[in-house]
C-alpha cells in the first residue's frame, strides 16, 4: 500500500481552500503517528499528534507536508 505521508512526518492542517486554517490550530505542526490501513488510497486515514499530546484523525486532503525545517 502506497501512502501519501509516512509515520514521523511533520504536517500542517489545511482549510477547505488549501490554505492554513485560521484560529487556534493556525501554524501548529503535527506529527503523523499512525497510518490506518484502507483498501484504496482515498480512504486512508492518518492519526496525527501535536506537542501537547492532542490527537486527531485526518484524511490526506486535510493535511499538507510541513517544511523541512519545521519544529514540532
PDB file of N, CA and C in Angstrom:
ATOM      1  N   UNK A   1       0.837  -1.173   0.000  1.00  0.00           N
ATOM      2  CA  UNK A   1       0.000   0.000   0.000  1.00  0.00           C
ATOM      3  C   UNK A   1       0.890   1.248   0.000  1.00  0.00           C
ATOM      4  N   UNK A   2       0.677   2.141  -0.917  1.00  0.00           N
ATOM      5  CA  UNK A   2       1.416   3.385  -1.005  1.00  0.00           C
ATOM      6  C   UNK A   2       0.674   4.462  -0.216  1.00  0.00           C
ATOM      7  N   UNK A   3       1.390   5.214   0.623  1.00  0.00           N
ATOM      8  CA  UNK A   3       0.784   6.284   1.400  1.00  0.00           C
ATOM      9  C   UNK A   3       1.366   7.617   0.967  1.00  0.00           C
ATOM     10  N   UNK A   4       0.541   8.647   1.020  1.00  0.00           N
ATOM     11  CA  UNK A   4       0.986   9.990   0.685  1.00  0.00           C
ATOM     12  C   UNK A   4       1.945  10.512   1.742  1.00  0.00           C
ATOM     13  N   UNK A   5       1.683  10.190   2.988  1.00  0.00           N
ATOM     14  CA  UNK A   5       2.506  10.633   4.111  1.00  0.00           C
ATOM     15  C   UNK A   5       3.062   9.406   4.824  1.00  0.00           C
ATOM     16  N   UNK A   6       4.070   9.600   5.657  1.00  0.00           N
ATOM     17  CA  UNK A   6       4.679   8.472   6.356  1.00  0.00           C
ATOM     18  C   UNK A   6       4.753   8.769   7.852  1.00  0.00           C
ATOM     19  N   UNK A   7       4.885   7.730   8.656  1.00  0.00           N
ATOM     20  CA  UNK A   7       4.973   7.868  10.107  1.00  0.00           C
ATOM     21  C   UNK A   7       6.224   8.677  10.447  1.00  0.00           C
ATOM     22  N   UNK A   8       6.060   9.670  11.303  1.00  0.00           N
ATOM     23  CA  UNK A   8       7.155  10.538  11.694  1.00  0.00           C
ATOM     24  C   UNK A   8       7.241  11.820  10.896  1.00  0.00           C
ATOM     25  N   UNK A   9       6.471  11.918   9.822  1.00  0.00           N
ATOM     26  CA  UNK A   9       6.500  13.124   9.003  1.00  0.00           C
ATOM     27  C   UNK A   9       5.757  14.265   9.694  1.00  0.00           C
ATOM     28  N   UNK A  10       6.303  15.475   9.584  1.00  0.00           N
ATOM     29  CA  UNK A  10       5.656  16.653  10.136  1.00  0.00           C
ATOM     30  C   UNK A  10       4.694  17.225   9.102  1.00  0.00           C
ATOM     31  N   UNK A  11       3.471  17.526   9.533  1.00  0.00           N
ATOM     32  CA  UNK A  11       2.427  18.036   8.641  1.00  0.00           C
ATOM     33  C   UNK A  11       1.716  19.216   9.281  1.00  0.00           C
ATOM     34  N   UNK A  12       0.978  19.950   8.465  1.00  0.00           N
ATOM     35  CA  UNK A  12       0.132  21.051   8.930  1.00  0.00           C
ATOM     36  C   UNK A  12      -1.275  20.839   8.384  1.00  0.00           C
ATOM     37  N   UNK A  13      -2.263  21.346   9.099  1.00  0.00           N
ATOM     38  CA  UNK A  13      -3.648  21.261   8.650  1.00  0.00           C
ATOM     39  C   UNK A  13      -3.896  22.254   7.538  1.00  0.00           C
ATOM     40  N   UNK A  14      -4.814  21.913   6.640  1.00  0.00           N
ATOM     41  CA  UNK A  14      -5.237  22.799   5.562  1.00  0.00           C
ATOM     42  C   UNK A  14      -6.703  23.130   5.757  1.00  0.00           C
ATOM     43  N   UNK A  15      -7.125  24.275   5.267  1.00  0.00           N
ATOM     44  CA  UNK A  15      -8.548  24.584   5.237  1.00  0.00           C
ATOM     45  C   UNK A  15      -9.116  23.991   3.958  1.00  0.00           C
ATOM     46  N   UNK A  16     -10.394  24.133   3.749  1.00  0.00           N
ATOM     47  CA  UNK A  16     -11.015  23.595   2.543  1.00  0.00           C
ATOM     48  C   UNK A  16     -10.554  24.330   1.292  1.00  0.00           C
ATOM     49  N   UNK A  17      -9.939  25.515   1.448  1.00  0.00           N
ATOM     50  CA  UNK A  17      -9.461  26.293   0.309  1.00  0.00           C
ATOM     51  C   UNK A  17      -7.993  26.055   0.028  1.00  0.00           C
ATOM     52  N   UNK A  18      -7.366  25.126   0.747  1.00  0.00           N
ATOM     53  CA  UNK A  18      -5.966  24.809   0.522  1.00  0.00           C
ATOM     54  C   UNK A  18      -4.998  25.721   1.249  1.00  0.00           C
ATOM     55  N   UNK A  19      -5.514  26.572   2.141  1.00  0.00           N
ATOM     56  CA  UNK A  19      -4.668  27.464   2.908  1.00  0.00           C
ATOM     57  C   UNK A  19      -4.654  27.004   4.353  1.00  0.00           C
ATOM     58  N   UNK A  20      -3.701  27.527   5.123  1.00  0.00           N
ATOM     59  CA  UNK A  20      -3.650  27.198   6.548  1.00  0.00           C
ATOM     60  C   UNK A  20      -4.913  27.721   7.223  1.00  0.00           C
ATOM     61  N   UNK A  21      -5.499  26.951   8.115  1.00  0.00           N
ATOM     62  CA  UNK A  21      -6.732  27.388   8.775  1.00  0.00           C
ATOM     63  C   UNK A  21      -6.479  28.551   9.729  1.00  0.00           C
ATOM     64  N   UNK A  22      -7.471  29.386   9.902  1.00  0.00           N
ATOM     65  CA  UNK A  22      -7.389  30.497  10.844  1.00  0.00           C
ATOM     66  C   UNK A  22      -7.856  30.013  12.200  1.00  0.00           C
ATOM     67  N   UNK A  23      -7.291  30.553  13.243  1.00  0.00           N
ATOM     68  CA  UNK A  23      -7.738  30.187  14.579  1.00  0.00           C
ATOM     69  C   UNK A  23      -6.657  29.514  15.376  1.00  0.00           C
ATOM     70  N   UNK A  24      -7.093  28.744  16.308  1.00  0.00           N
ATOM     71  CA  UNK A  24      -6.191  28.156  17.291  1.00  0.00           C
ATOM     72  C   UNK A  24      -5.143  27.219  16.702  1.00  0.00           C
ATOM     73  N   UNK A  25      -5.501  26.461  15.681  1.00  0.00           N
ATOM     74  CA  UNK A  25      -4.554  25.491  15.117  1.00  0.00           C
ATOM     75  C   UNK A  25      -3.680  26.087  14.024  1.00  0.00           C
ATOM     76  N   UNK A  26      -3.829  27.392  13.757  1.00  0.00           N
ATOM     77  CA  UNK A  26      -3.039  28.032  12.714  1.00  0.00           C
ATOM     78  C   UNK A  26      -1.550  27.936  13.024  1.00  0.00           C
ATOM     79  N   UNK A  27      -0.791  27.452  12.086  1.00  0.00           N
ATOM     80  CA  UNK A  27       0.646  27.362  12.250  1.00  0.00           C
ATOM     81  C   UNK A  27       1.120  26.207  13.109  1.00  0.00           C
ATOM     82  N   UNK A  28       0.206  25.438  13.661  1.00  0.00           N
ATOM     83  CA  UNK A  28       0.596  24.327  14.523  1.00  0.00           C
ATOM     84  C   UNK A  28       1.091  23.159  13.670  1.00  0.00           C
ATOM     85  N   UNK A  29       2.179  22.582  14.103  1.00  0.00           N
ATOM     86  CA  UNK A  29       2.762  21.444  13.393  1.00  0.00           C
ATOM     87  C   UNK A  29       2.372  20.156  14.102  1.00  0.00           C
ATOM     88  N   UNK A  30       1.995  19.158  13.328  1.00  0.00           N
ATOM     89  CA  UNK A  30       1.612  17.851  13.840  1.00  0.00           C
ATOM     90  C   UNK A  30       2.566  16.804  13.297  1.00  0.00           C
ATOM     91  N   UNK A  31       2.616  15.673  13.952  1.00  0.00           N
ATOM     92  CA  UNK A  31       3.433  14.552  13.512  1.00  0.00           C
ATOM     93  C   UNK A  31       2.517  13.372  13.200  1.00  0.00           C
ATOM     94  N   UNK A  32       2.735  12.722  12.068  1.00  0.00           N
ATOM     95  CA  UNK A  32       1.954  11.531  11.727  1.00  0.00           C
ATOM     96  C   UNK A  32       2.433  10.400  12.625  1.00  0.00           C
ATOM     97  N   UNK A  33       1.535   9.836  13.436  1.00  0.00           N
ATOM     98  CA  UNK A  33       1.923   8.776  14.354  1.00  0.00           C
ATOM     99  C   UNK A  33       1.424   7.398  13.933  1.00  0.00           C
ATOM    100  N   UNK A  34       0.419   7.364  13.074  1.00  0.00           N
ATOM    101  CA  UNK A  34      -0.102   6.064  12.626  1.00  0.00           C
ATOM    102  C   UNK A  34      -0.849   6.235  11.310  1.00  0.00           C
ATOM    103  N   UNK A  35      -0.721   5.240  10.448  1.00  0.00           N
ATOM    104  CA  UNK A  35      -1.476   5.198   9.206  1.00  0.00           C
ATOM    105  C   UNK A  35      -2.461   4.050   9.332  1.00  0.00           C
ATOM    106  N   UNK A  36      -3.732   4.371   9.233  1.00  0.00           N
ATOM    107  CA  UNK A  36      -4.773   3.354   9.343  1.00  0.00           C
ATOM    108  C   UNK A  36      -5.029   2.782   7.956  1.00  0.00           C
ATOM    109  N   UNK A  37      -4.818   1.512   7.810  1.00  0.00           N
ATOM    110  CA  UNK A  37      -4.904   0.842   6.512  1.00  0.00           C
ATOM    111  C   UNK A  37      -6.304   0.937   5.926  1.00  0.00           C
ATOM    112  N   UNK A  38      -6.331   1.039   4.603  1.00  0.00           N
ATOM    113  CA  UNK A  38      -7.590   1.079   3.862  1.00  0.00           C
ATOM    114  C   UNK A  38      -7.404   0.319   2.558  1.00  0.00           C
ATOM    115  N   UNK A  39      -8.502   0.019   1.905  1.00  0.00           N
ATOM    116  CA  UNK A  39      -8.415  -0.739   0.659  1.00  0.00           C
ATOM    117  C   UNK A  39      -7.962   0.110  -0.508  1.00  0.00           C
ATOM    118  N   UNK A  40      -8.175   1.420  -0.449  1.00  0.00           N
ATOM    119  CA  UNK A  40      -7.692   2.300  -1.505  1.00  0.00           C
ATOM    120  C   UNK A  40      -7.110   3.574  -0.902  1.00  0.00           C
ATOM    121  N   UNK A  41      -6.318   4.292  -1.676  1.00  0.00           N
ATOM    122  CA  UNK A  41      -5.602   5.476  -1.191  1.00  0.00           C
ATOM    123  C   UNK A  41      -6.541   6.570  -0.701  1.00  0.00           C
ATOM    124  N   UNK A  42      -7.680   6.753  -1.356  1.00  0.00           N
ATOM    125  CA  UNK A  42      -8.598   7.821  -0.969  1.00  0.00           C
ATOM    126  C   UNK A  42      -9.228   7.593   0.397  1.00  0.00           C
ATOM    127  N   UNK A  43      -9.247   6.357   0.857  1.00  0.00           N
ATOM    128  CA  UNK A  43      -9.900   6.053   2.124  1.00  0.00           C
ATOM    129  C   UNK A  43      -8.907   5.971   3.291  1.00  0.00           C
ATOM    130  N   UNK A  44      -7.616   6.126   3.029  1.00  0.00           N
ATOM    131  CA  UNK A  44      -6.651   6.026   4.119  1.00  0.00           C
ATOM    132  C   UNK A  44      -6.844   7.172   5.107  1.00  0.00           C
ATOM    133  N   UNK A  45      -6.560   6.889   6.362  1.00  0.00           N
ATOM    134  CA  UNK A  45      -6.719   7.870   7.428  1.00  0.00           C
ATOM    135  C   UNK A  45      -5.421   7.921   8.214  1.00  0.00           C
ATOM    136  N   UNK A  46      -5.059   9.113   8.668  1.00  0.00           N
ATOM    137  CA  UNK A  46      -3.834   9.315   9.421  1.00  0.00           C
ATOM    138  C   UNK A  46      -4.158   9.802  10.819  1.00  0.00           C
ATOM    139  N   UNK A  47      -3.447   9.273  11.804  1.00  0.00           N
ATOM    140  CA  UNK A  47      -3.542   9.761  13.165  1.00  0.00           C
ATOM    141  C   UNK A  47      -2.376  10.714  13.352  1.00  0.00           C
ATOM    142  N   UNK A  48      -2.690  11.987  13.657  1.00  0.00           N
ATOM    143  CA  UNK A  48      -1.644  12.981  13.859  1.00  0.00           C
ATOM    144  C   UNK A  48      -1.685  13.458  15.301  1.00  0.00           C
ATOM    145  N   UNK A  49      -0.554  13.928  15.788  1.00  0.00           N
ATOM    146  CA  UNK A  49      -0.435  14.338  17.183  1.00  0.00           C
ATOM    147  C   UNK A  49       0.418  15.598  17.258  1.00  0.00           C
ATOM    148  N   UNK A  50       0.032  16.548  18.139  1.00  0.00           N
ATOM    149  CA  UNK A  50       0.857  17.741  18.313  1.00  0.00           C
ATOM    150  C   UNK A  50       1.676  17.615  19.587  1.00  0.00           C
ATOM    151  N   UNK A  51       2.463  18.635  19.896  1.00  0.00           N
ATOM    152  CA  UNK A  51       3.377  18.580  21.040  1.00  0.00           C
ATOM    153  C   UNK A  51       2.660  18.490  22.387  1.00  0.00           C
ATOM    154  N   UNK A  52       1.422  18.964  22.466  1.00  0.00           N
ATOM    155  CA  UNK A  52       0.686  18.898  23.723  1.00  0.00           C
ATOM    156  C   UNK A  52       0.006  17.551  23.909  1.00  0.00           C
ATOM    157  N   UNK A  53       0.100  16.680  22.914  1.00  0.00           N
ATOM    158  CA  UNK A  53      -0.469  15.344  23.014  1.00  0.00           C
ATOM    159  C   UNK A  53      -1.848  15.206  22.405  1.00  0.00           C
ATOM    160  N   UNK A  54      -2.388  16.288  21.853  1.00  0.00           N
ATOM    161  CA  UNK A  54      -3.708  16.220  21.226  1.00  0.00           C
ATOM    162  C   UNK A  54      -3.620  15.392  19.946  1.00  0.00           C
ATOM    163  N   UNK A  55      -4.510  14.420  19.812  1.00  0.00           N
ATOM    164  CA  UNK A  55      -4.527  13.559  18.634  1.00  0.00           C
ATOM    165  C   UNK A  55      -5.737  13.878  17.773  1.00  0.00           C
ATOM    166  N   UNK A  56      -5.606  13.584  16.492  1.00  0.00           N
ATOM    167  CA  UNK A  56      -6.682  13.890  15.553  1.00  0.00           C
ATOM    168  C   UNK A  56      -6.599  12.922  14.382  1.00  0.00           C
ATOM    169  N   UNK A  57      -7.736  12.457  13.898  1.00  0.00           N
ATOM    170  CA  UNK A  57      -7.798  11.623  12.700  1.00  0.00           C
ATOM    171  C   UNK A  57      -8.088  12.521  11.508  1.00  0.00           C
ATOM    172  N   UNK A  58      -7.293  12.385  10.452  1.00  0.00           N
ATOM    173  CA  UNK A  58      -7.463  13.226   9.265  1.00  0.00           C
ATOM    174  C   UNK A  58      -7.331  12.403   7.990  1.00  0.00           C
ATOM    175  N   UNK A  59      -7.901  12.927   6.924  1.00  0.00           N
ATOM    176  CA  UNK A  59      -7.762  12.359   5.586  1.00  0.00           C
ATOM    177  C   UNK A  59      -6.579  13.050   4.902  1.00  0.00           C
ATOM    178  N   UNK A  60      -5.989  12.442   3.877  1.00  0.00           N
ATOM    179  CA  UNK A  60      -4.823  13.048   3.210  1.00  0.00           C
ATOM    180  C   UNK A  60      -5.094  14.445   2.656  1.00  0.00           C
ATOM    181  N   UNK A  61      -6.301  14.718   2.205  1.00  0.00           N
ATOM    182  CA  UNK A  61      -6.615  16.026   1.637  1.00  0.00           C
ATOM    183  C   UNK A  61      -6.742  17.119   2.698  1.00  0.00           C
ATOM    184  N   UNK A  62      -6.754  16.757   3.973  1.00  0.00           N
ATOM    185  CA  UNK A  62      -6.873  17.731   5.058  1.00  0.00           C
ATOM    186  C   UNK A  62      -5.528  18.230   5.567  1.00  0.00           C
ATOM    187  N   UNK A  63      -4.428  17.602   5.136  1.00  0.00           N
ATOM    188  CA  UNK A  63      -3.109  17.974   5.639  1.00  0.00           C
ATOM    189  C   UNK A  63      -2.139  18.204   4.489  1.00  0.00           C
ATOM    190  N   UNK A  64      -1.072  18.903   4.811  1.00  0.00           N
ATOM    191  CA  UNK A  64      -0.010  19.142   3.850  1.00  0.00           C
ATOM    192  C   UNK A  64       1.334  18.970   4.573  1.00  0.00           C
ATOM    193  N   UNK A  65       2.344  18.581   3.845  1.00  0.00           N
ATOM    194  CA  UNK A  65       3.653  18.372   4.464  1.00  0.00           C
ATOM    195  C   UNK A  65       4.196  19.699   4.972  1.00  0.00           C
ATOM    196  N   UNK A  66       4.779  19.675   6.157  1.00  0.00           N
ATOM    197  CA  UNK A  66       5.409  20.865   6.729  1.00  0.00           C
ATOM    198  C   UNK A  66       6.786  21.030   6.099  1.00  0.00           C
ATOM    199  N   UNK A  67       7.339  22.216   6.198  1.00  0.00           N
ATOM    200  CA  UNK A  67       8.658  22.457   5.622  1.00  0.00           C
ATOM    201  C   UNK A  67       9.706  21.606   6.348  1.00  0.00           C
ATOM    202  N   UNK A  68      10.821  21.405   5.694  1.00  0.00           N
ATOM    203  CA  UNK A  68      11.872  20.543   6.242  1.00  0.00           C
ATOM    204  C   UNK A  68      12.465  21.096   7.535  1.00  0.00           C
ATOM    205  N   UNK A  69      12.374  22.400   7.745  1.00  0.00           N
ATOM    206  CA  UNK A  69      12.934  22.985   8.968  1.00  0.00           C
ATOM    207  C   UNK A  69      11.867  23.309  10.007  1.00  0.00           C
ATOM    208  N   UNK A  70      10.680  22.729   9.870  1.00  0.00           N
ATOM    209  CA  UNK A  70       9.603  22.941  10.853  1.00  0.00           C
ATOM    210  C   UNK A  70       9.959  22.302  12.184  1.00  0.00           C
ATOM    211  N   UNK A  71       9.536  22.934  13.245  1.00  0.00           N
ATOM    212  CA  UNK A  71       9.764  22.417  14.583  1.00  0.00           C
ATOM    213  C   UNK A  71       8.442  21.915  15.138  1.00  0.00           C
ATOM    214  N   UNK A  72       8.401  20.669  15.612  1.00  0.00           N
ATOM    215  CA  UNK A  72       7.127  20.132  16.110  1.00  0.00           C
ATOM    216  C   UNK A  72       6.624  20.835  17.358  1.00  0.00           C
TER     217      UNK A  72
END
